[in-house]
Amino acid sequence: MKHLLLFFGLILFSCGDSTSKFDLQKKEMIANESARWFTMAEPKDFVFNVVNDSTFTMSSKFVHPILAKEVRFTYTYSYTSSLDSLKKNELSKQELLVEGTLNKYVDRE
């Protein structure tokens, strides 16, 4: 009976939604975004997207400390295939709030 319960527990655990397997990377990226601006800006409205099994994007909005305008920056994070370490992260998109809407002003893709 114990083995049967363990078996069903493992099946239920492995059948969780696919985004949960990237929770660690998502938390790491949010920490990076918060640390990137240290105390000069406070990122909010984080948007996490899966590009493929080892590449993700993270967008966040904040008031830029120099421009004094609301901006949204999107960074692309590339991990090793085992997801155990970050290979690189780079700014891929910058948007500036103009007349109430975010308009792209630089696209580095």
N, C-alpha and C. Protein backbone atom coordinates (compact mmCIF):
# COMPACT_ATOMS: atom_id res chain seq x y z
N MET A 1 0.82 -1.19 0.00
CA MET A 1 0.00 0.00 0.00
C MET A 1 0.87 1.26 0.00
N LYS A 2 1.97 1.26 0.79
CA LYS A 2 2.86 2.41 0.83
C LYS A 2 3.44 2.71 -0.55
N HIS A 3 3.81 1.65 -1.25
CA HIS A 3 4.41 1.82 -2.57
C HIS A 3 3.40 2.39 -3.56
N LEU A 4 2.16 1.97 -3.42
CA LEU A 4 1.11 2.47 -4.30
C LEU A 4 0.87 3.96 -4.05
N LEU A 5 0.83 4.39 -2.78
CA LEU A 5 0.65 5.80 -2.46
C LEU A 5 1.84 6.63 -2.95
N LEU A 6 3.04 6.10 -2.78
CA LEU A 6 4.23 6.79 -3.25
C LEU A 6 4.20 6.94 -4.77
N PHE A 7 3.78 5.89 -5.46
CA PHE A 7 3.69 5.91 -6.91
C PHE A 7 2.72 6.99 -7.38
N PHE A 8 1.52 7.03 -6.78
CA PHE A 8 0.52 8.03 -7.16
C PHE A 8 0.98 9.45 -6.79
N GLY A 9 1.67 9.58 -5.69
CA GLY A 9 2.22 10.89 -5.30
C GLY A 9 3.22 11.41 -6.31
N LEU A 10 4.08 10.52 -6.79
CA LEU A 10 5.06 10.91 -7.81
C LEU A 10 4.39 11.29 -9.12
N ILE A 11 3.35 10.55 -9.48
CA ILE A 11 2.63 10.87 -10.72
C ILE A 11 1.98 12.25 -10.60
N LEU A 12 1.32 12.52 -9.49
CA LEU A 12 0.67 13.82 -9.30
C LEU A 12 1.71 14.94 -9.29
N PHE A 13 2.84 14.72 -8.65
CA PHE A 13 3.89 15.73 -8.59
C PHE A 13 4.45 16.02 -9.97
N SER A 14 4.65 15.00 -10.78
CA SER A 14 5.23 15.20 -12.11
C SER A 14 4.23 15.76 -13.11
N CYS A 15 2.95 15.71 -12.79
CA CYS A 15 1.93 16.22 -13.70
C CYS A 15 1.57 17.68 -13.43
N GLY A 16 2.34 18.36 -12.59
CA GLY A 16 2.08 19.77 -12.31
C GLY A 16 2.23 20.58 -13.59
N ASP A 17 1.74 21.86 -13.58
CA ASP A 17 1.82 22.64 -14.80
C ASP A 17 3.28 22.92 -15.16
N SER A 18 3.51 23.11 -16.46
CA SER A 18 4.88 23.19 -16.97
C SER A 18 5.62 24.44 -16.52
N THR A 19 4.91 25.52 -16.19
CA THR A 19 5.61 26.74 -15.79
C THR A 19 6.22 26.57 -14.41
N SER A 20 5.70 25.65 -13.59
CA SER A 20 6.23 25.49 -12.25
C SER A 20 7.65 24.94 -12.28
N LYS A 21 8.03 24.26 -13.34
CA LYS A 21 9.40 23.74 -13.40
C LYS A 21 10.41 24.85 -13.61
N PHE A 22 9.96 26.05 -13.95
CA PHE A 22 10.84 27.20 -14.14
C PHE A 22 10.72 28.22 -13.01
N ASP A 23 10.07 27.83 -11.91
CA ASP A 23 9.89 28.76 -10.79
C ASP A 23 11.21 29.28 -10.23
N LEU A 24 12.20 28.43 -10.13
CA LEU A 24 13.50 28.84 -9.60
C LEU A 24 14.13 29.91 -10.49
N GLN A 25 14.07 29.71 -11.81
CA GLN A 25 14.63 30.69 -12.73
C GLN A 25 13.84 32.00 -12.66
N LYS A 26 12.52 31.90 -12.56
CA LYS A 26 11.69 33.11 -12.46
C LYS A 26 12.05 33.90 -11.21
N LYS A 27 12.20 33.24 -10.08
CA LYS A 27 12.56 33.92 -8.84
C LYS A 27 13.94 34.56 -8.95
N GLU A 28 14.88 33.85 -9.57
CA GLU A 28 16.23 34.38 -9.75
C GLU A 28 16.20 35.64 -10.63
N MET A 29 15.39 35.62 -11.69
CA MET A 29 15.31 36.77 -12.59
C MET A 29 14.67 37.97 -11.90
N ILE A 30 13.63 37.75 -11.09
CA ILE A 30 13.01 38.84 -10.35
C ILE A 30 14.01 39.45 -9.38
N ALA A 31 14.81 38.61 -8.73
CA ALA A 31 15.85 39.12 -7.82
C ALA A 31 16.88 39.94 -8.60
N ASN A 32 17.26 39.47 -9.79
CA ASN A 32 18.19 40.22 -10.64
C ASN A 32 17.63 41.58 -11.02
N GLU A 33 16.36 41.60 -11.41
CA GLU A 33 15.74 42.86 -11.82
C GLU A 33 15.66 43.83 -10.65
N SER A 34 15.36 43.34 -9.48
CA SER A 34 15.29 44.21 -8.30
C SER A 34 16.67 44.72 -7.92
N ALA A 35 17.68 43.88 -8.03
CA ALA A 35 19.04 44.27 -7.66
C ALA A 35 19.70 45.16 -8.71
N ARG A 36 19.27 45.03 -9.95
CA ARG A 36 19.88 45.78 -11.05
C ARG A 36 19.84 47.29 -10.80
N TRP A 37 18.72 47.79 -10.30
CA TRP A 37 18.55 49.22 -10.06
C TRP A 37 18.79 49.59 -8.61
N PHE A 38 19.12 48.61 -7.81
CA PHE A 38 19.42 48.75 -6.39
C PHE A 38 18.38 49.66 -5.72
N THR A 39 18.71 50.84 -5.31
CA THR A 39 17.74 51.72 -4.64
C THR A 39 17.30 52.87 -5.52
N MET A 40 17.78 52.93 -6.77
CA MET A 40 17.44 54.04 -7.65
C MET A 40 16.05 53.90 -8.25
N ALA A 41 15.57 52.68 -8.42
CA ALA A 41 14.25 52.43 -9.01
C ALA A 41 13.69 51.14 -8.43
N GLU A 42 12.38 51.04 -8.43
CA GLU A 42 11.72 49.85 -7.90
C GLU A 42 10.90 49.18 -9.00
N PRO A 43 11.43 48.11 -9.61
CA PRO A 43 10.68 47.42 -10.67
C PRO A 43 9.37 46.83 -10.15
N LYS A 44 8.36 46.79 -11.02
CA LYS A 44 7.06 46.21 -10.67
C LYS A 44 6.47 45.57 -11.93
N ASP A 45 5.35 44.92 -11.78
CA ASP A 45 4.65 44.28 -12.90
C ASP A 45 5.58 43.37 -13.72
N PHE A 46 6.18 42.40 -13.06
CA PHE A 46 7.09 41.47 -13.72
C PHE A 46 6.31 40.55 -14.66
N VAL A 47 6.81 40.38 -15.88
CA VAL A 47 6.21 39.47 -16.85
C VAL A 47 7.29 38.48 -17.29
N PHE A 48 7.07 37.21 -16.98
CA PHE A 48 8.00 36.13 -17.28
C PHE A 48 7.49 35.35 -18.47
N ASN A 49 8.35 35.12 -19.46
CA ASN A 49 7.99 34.33 -20.63
C ASN A 49 9.05 33.28 -20.91
N VAL A 50 8.59 32.11 -21.33
CA VAL A 50 9.49 31.02 -21.71
C VAL A 50 9.67 31.08 -23.22
N VAL A 51 10.92 31.26 -23.67
CA VAL A 51 11.24 31.27 -25.10
C VAL A 51 11.48 29.84 -25.56
N ASN A 52 12.31 29.11 -24.81
CA ASN A 52 12.53 27.68 -25.04
C ASN A 52 12.97 27.08 -23.70
N ASP A 53 13.46 25.87 -23.69
CA ASP A 53 13.79 25.18 -22.43
C ASP A 53 14.94 25.80 -21.65
N SER A 54 15.70 26.70 -22.26
CA SER A 54 16.81 27.31 -21.52
C SER A 54 16.92 28.82 -21.71
N THR A 55 15.95 29.42 -22.37
CA THR A 55 15.95 30.87 -22.61
C THR A 55 14.61 31.45 -22.18
N PHE A 56 14.69 32.56 -21.43
CA PHE A 56 13.49 33.19 -20.88
C PHE A 56 13.61 34.70 -21.05
N THR A 57 12.47 35.38 -20.99
CA THR A 57 12.49 36.84 -20.94
C THR A 57 11.79 37.30 -19.68
N MET A 58 12.23 38.43 -19.16
CA MET A 58 11.62 39.03 -17.97
C MET A 58 11.47 40.52 -18.25
N SER A 59 10.24 41.01 -18.19
CA SER A 59 9.96 42.43 -18.35
C SER A 59 9.52 43.00 -17.02
N SER A 60 9.86 44.26 -16.81
CA SER A 60 9.38 44.95 -15.61
C SER A 60 9.25 46.44 -15.92
N LYS A 61 8.30 47.07 -15.24
CA LYS A 61 8.09 48.51 -15.38
C LYS A 61 8.65 49.21 -14.16
N PHE A 62 9.10 50.43 -14.35
CA PHE A 62 9.56 51.25 -13.23
C PHE A 62 9.74 52.68 -13.71
N VAL A 63 9.89 53.59 -12.79
CA VAL A 63 10.18 54.97 -13.13
C VAL A 63 11.70 55.09 -13.24
N HIS A 64 12.16 55.45 -14.42
CA HIS A 64 13.60 55.55 -14.65
C HIS A 64 14.17 56.71 -13.84
N PRO A 65 15.25 56.47 -13.09
CA PRO A 65 15.79 57.50 -12.19
C PRO A 65 16.34 58.73 -12.91
N ILE A 66 16.80 58.60 -14.13
CA ILE A 66 17.36 59.75 -14.85
C ILE A 66 16.30 60.41 -15.72
N LEU A 67 15.50 59.60 -16.43
CA LEU A 67 14.48 60.15 -17.32
C LEU A 67 13.25 60.67 -16.57
N ALA A 68 13.03 60.16 -15.36
CA ALA A 68 11.84 60.49 -14.56
C ALA A 68 10.56 60.16 -15.33
N LYS A 69 10.59 59.11 -16.12
CA LYS A 69 9.44 58.62 -16.88
C LYS A 69 9.29 57.13 -16.61
N GLU A 70 8.07 56.65 -16.79
CA GLU A 70 7.85 55.21 -16.64
C GLU A 70 8.39 54.49 -17.87
N VAL A 71 9.15 53.43 -17.63
CA VAL A 71 9.74 52.63 -18.70
C VAL A 71 9.48 51.16 -18.43
N ARG A 72 9.63 50.37 -19.48
CA ARG A 72 9.60 48.91 -19.33
C ARG A 72 10.82 48.37 -20.05
N PHE A 73 11.62 47.61 -19.32
CA PHE A 73 12.80 46.97 -19.89
C PHE A 73 12.55 45.47 -19.93
N THR A 74 12.97 44.85 -21.01
CA THR A 74 12.88 43.40 -21.16
C THR A 74 14.29 42.86 -21.32
N TYR A 75 14.62 41.90 -20.48
CA TYR A 75 15.92 41.24 -20.53
C TYR A 75 15.72 39.80 -20.96
N THR A 76 16.65 39.30 -21.75
CA THR A 76 16.65 37.90 -22.16
C THR A 76 17.72 37.17 -21.35
N TYR A 77 17.31 36.09 -20.72
CA TYR A 77 18.19 35.28 -19.87
C TYR A 77 18.43 33.94 -20.55
N SER A 78 19.69 33.57 -20.72
CA SER A 78 20.05 32.27 -21.31
C SER A 78 20.75 31.43 -20.25
N TYR A 79 20.20 30.25 -20.01
CA TYR A 79 20.76 29.32 -19.04
C TYR A 79 21.42 28.15 -19.75
N THR A 80 22.22 27.40 -19.00
CA THR A 80 22.75 26.15 -19.54
C THR A 80 21.59 25.19 -19.74
N SER A 81 21.78 24.15 -20.52
CA SER A 81 20.69 23.22 -20.82
C SER A 81 20.13 22.54 -19.57
N SER A 82 20.95 22.41 -18.52
CA SER A 82 20.48 21.80 -17.28
C SER A 82 19.84 22.83 -16.33
N LEU A 83 19.81 24.09 -16.73
CA LEU A 83 19.22 25.20 -15.97
C LEU A 83 19.90 25.46 -14.63
N ASP A 84 21.11 24.94 -14.46
CA ASP A 84 21.78 25.12 -13.17
C ASP A 84 22.61 26.40 -13.09
N SER A 85 22.90 27.02 -14.23
CA SER A 85 23.63 28.30 -14.15
C SER A 85 23.27 29.21 -15.34
N LEU A 86 23.35 30.48 -15.06
CA LEU A 86 23.03 31.49 -16.05
C LEU A 86 24.24 31.72 -16.95
N LYS A 87 24.04 31.61 -18.27
CA LYS A 87 25.13 31.86 -19.22
C LYS A 87 25.26 33.35 -19.48
N LYS A 88 24.13 34.01 -19.76
CA LYS A 88 24.17 35.45 -20.00
C LYS A 88 22.77 36.04 -19.86
N ASN A 89 22.74 37.32 -19.58
CA ASN A 89 21.50 38.06 -19.65
C ASN A 89 21.79 39.38 -20.34
N GLU A 90 20.88 39.79 -21.20
CA GLU A 90 21.10 41.02 -21.94
C GLU A 90 19.80 41.77 -22.15
N LEU A 91 19.94 43.07 -22.21
CA LEU A 91 18.79 43.93 -22.47
C LEU A 91 18.34 43.71 -23.90
N SER A 92 17.09 43.35 -24.10
CA SER A 92 16.61 43.07 -25.44
C SER A 92 15.58 44.08 -25.93
N LYS A 93 14.94 44.81 -25.01
CA LYS A 93 13.93 45.77 -25.43
C LYS A 93 13.76 46.85 -24.37
N GLN A 94 13.61 48.11 -24.82
CA GLN A 94 13.35 49.23 -23.93
C GLN A 94 12.11 49.95 -24.43
N GLU A 95 11.22 50.30 -23.53
CA GLU A 95 10.01 51.03 -23.90
C GLU A 95 9.83 52.19 -22.95
N LEU A 96 9.29 53.28 -23.47
CA LEU A 96 9.09 54.50 -22.71
C LEU A 96 7.61 54.87 -22.74
N LEU A 97 7.06 55.28 -21.60
CA LEU A 97 5.67 55.70 -21.52
C LEU A 97 5.54 57.08 -22.15
N VAL A 98 4.76 57.16 -23.24
CA VAL A 98 4.53 58.42 -23.92
C VAL A 98 3.03 58.61 -24.06
N GLU A 99 2.51 59.69 -23.50
CA GLU A 99 1.09 60.02 -23.56
C GLU A 99 0.21 58.84 -23.14
N GLY A 100 0.57 58.21 -22.04
CA GLY A 100 -0.26 57.17 -21.45
C GLY A 100 -0.06 55.77 -21.99
N THR A 101 0.76 55.59 -23.03
CA THR A 101 1.00 54.25 -23.55
C THR A 101 2.50 53.99 -23.64
N LEU A 102 2.89 52.74 -23.49
CA LEU A 102 4.30 52.38 -23.62
C LEU A 102 4.63 52.22 -25.10
N ASN A 103 5.56 53.02 -25.56
CA ASN A 103 6.00 52.96 -26.96
C ASN A 103 7.45 52.52 -27.00
N LYS A 104 7.73 51.63 -27.92
CA LYS A 104 9.10 51.13 -28.06
C LYS A 104 9.96 52.24 -28.64
N TYR A 105 11.11 52.51 -28.02
CA TYR A 105 12.01 53.47 -28.61
C TYR A 105 13.37 52.88 -28.95
N VAL A 106 13.69 51.73 -28.42
CA VAL A 106 14.92 51.02 -28.80
C VAL A 106 14.58 49.54 -28.84
N ASP A 107 14.96 48.88 -29.89
CA ASP A 107 14.75 47.45 -29.99
C ASP A 107 16.08 46.81 -30.34
N ARG A 108 16.64 46.05 -29.41
CA ARG A 108 17.96 45.44 -29.61
C ARG A 108 17.85 43.98 -30.01
N GLU A 109 16.69 43.52 -30.43
CA GLU A 109 16.54 42.11 -30.78
C GLU A 109 17.25 41.79 -32.08
